[in-house]
Amino acid sequence: MTPIMKQVILACSIVLAIACNQNNKPAEKTHAPMPEPPAMAEAATSDKWPDPVCRMPYDTSYKEWAVYQKDTVHFCSITCKEIFQKAPEKYMAKLKK
């Protein structure tokens, strides 16, 4: 082995050892304050019927709906809508009471 090759190998070994040693250091603890959670927007409720299945109050953010005997019924989720569609008379009877 030539002296230059020995120096290159030695230099690479030193760089590798330093790089490996840097990764083994424990992470420094920072005591930064926790960020504030985003403000929860209040649900815009109205005087419309609640979800007929789970009875949650109507919210303008409801995207699921169905028409039953000329009435538009809103649902909080696709699950409630699917349950309603299996037996709409059962849920509408409870809703109109």
Protein backbone atom coordinates (compact mmCIF):
# COMPACT_ATOMS: atom_id res chain seq x y z
CA MET A 1 0.00 0.00 0.00
CA THR A 2 1.32 3.40 -0.88
CA PRO A 3 1.65 6.15 1.71
CA ILE A 4 -1.03 8.22 -0.06
CA MET A 5 -3.54 5.35 0.09
CA LYS A 6 -2.81 4.95 3.81
CA GLN A 7 -3.51 8.65 4.36
CA VAL A 8 -6.76 8.50 2.35
CA ILE A 9 -7.97 5.45 4.29
CA LEU A 10 -6.99 7.06 7.60
CA ALA A 11 -8.78 10.31 6.67
CA CYS A 12 -11.93 8.43 5.60
CA SER A 13 -11.88 6.43 8.83
CA ILE A 14 -11.62 9.59 10.92
CA VAL A 15 -14.47 11.27 9.03
CA LEU A 16 -16.61 8.15 9.42
CA ALA A 17 -15.86 7.88 13.15
CA ILE A 18 -16.77 11.55 13.69
CA ALA A 19 -19.98 11.19 11.69
CA CYS A 20 -21.00 8.08 13.63
CA ASN A 21 -20.21 9.75 16.93
CA GLN A 22 -22.40 12.75 16.03
CA ASN A 23 -25.42 10.47 15.48
CA ASN A 24 -24.98 8.78 18.86
CA LYS A 25 -25.34 11.95 20.89
CA PRO A 26 -28.65 12.18 22.74
CA ALA A 27 -31.04 14.71 21.35
CA GLU A 28 -31.03 18.00 23.16
CA LYS A 29 -34.20 18.65 25.05
CA THR A 30 -35.93 21.82 24.11
CA HIS A 31 -38.57 23.33 26.29
CA ALA A 32 -40.44 25.19 23.62
CA PRO A 33 -44.02 25.94 24.59
CA MET A 34 -46.65 23.68 23.13
CA PRO A 35 -48.51 25.30 20.25
CA GLU A 36 -52.07 26.33 20.93
CA PRO A 37 -54.68 24.02 19.42
CA PRO A 38 -56.62 25.60 16.58
CA ALA A 39 -59.71 27.39 17.69
CA MET A 40 -62.74 25.20 17.31
CA ALA A 41 -65.37 26.92 15.26
CA GLU A 42 -68.76 26.63 16.83
CA ALA A 43 -71.12 24.49 14.86
CA ALA A 44 -73.74 26.49 13.08
CA THR A 45 -76.94 24.93 14.32
CA SER A 46 -80.41 25.73 13.14
CA ASP A 47 -84.01 24.90 13.88
CA LYS A 48 -83.98 22.04 11.36
CA TRP A 49 -84.61 18.48 12.50
CA PRO A 50 -81.78 16.60 14.15
CA ASP A 51 -80.19 13.56 12.56
CA PRO A 52 -83.06 11.07 12.81
CA VAL A 53 -80.78 8.10 13.58
CA CYS A 54 -78.37 9.36 16.24
CA ARG A 55 -80.43 12.45 17.21
CA MET A 56 -77.50 14.86 16.88
CA PRO A 57 -78.71 18.45 16.37
CA TYR A 58 -78.68 19.63 12.78
CA ASP A 59 -75.43 21.28 11.79
CA THR A 60 -74.88 23.24 8.59
CA SER A 61 -71.72 21.22 7.95
CA TYR A 62 -73.77 18.04 7.32
CA LYS A 63 -73.13 16.87 3.78
CA GLU A 64 -75.29 13.74 3.76
CA TRP A 65 -79.01 14.08 3.08
CA ALA A 66 -81.98 12.23 1.67
CA VAL A 67 -85.51 13.12 0.64
CA TYR A 68 -88.31 11.28 2.37
CA GLN A 69 -91.93 12.11 1.42
CA LYS A 70 -90.99 15.62 0.24
CA ASP A 71 -88.93 16.27 3.41
CA THR A 72 -85.18 16.76 3.14
CA VAL A 73 -83.50 14.93 5.98
CA HIS A 74 -79.88 15.69 6.89
CA PHE A 75 -77.41 13.23 8.44
CA CYS A 76 -74.20 13.61 10.38
CA SER A 77 -72.54 10.72 8.53
CA ILE A 78 -72.93 8.28 5.68
CA THR A 79 -73.49 5.56 8.29
CA CYS A 80 -76.55 7.29 9.72
CA LYS A 81 -77.88 7.87 6.21
CA GLU A 82 -77.48 4.19 5.30
CA ILE A 83 -79.22 3.08 8.50
CA PHE A 84 -82.06 5.52 7.83
CA GLN A 85 -82.52 4.30 4.26
CA LYS A 86 -83.08 0.74 5.51
CA ALA A 87 -86.11 1.76 7.62
CA PRO A 88 -87.05 5.41 7.03
CA GLU A 89 -90.56 5.12 8.50
CA LYS A 90 -89.13 3.98 11.84
CA TYR A 91 -86.86 7.03 12.16
CA MET A 92 -89.27 9.61 10.73
CA ALA A 93 -91.95 8.52 13.21
CA LYS A 94 -89.53 9.22 16.08
CA LEU A 95 -88.45 12.51 14.53
CA LYS A 96 -91.92 13.99 14.10
CA LYS A 97 -92.97 13.25 17.70
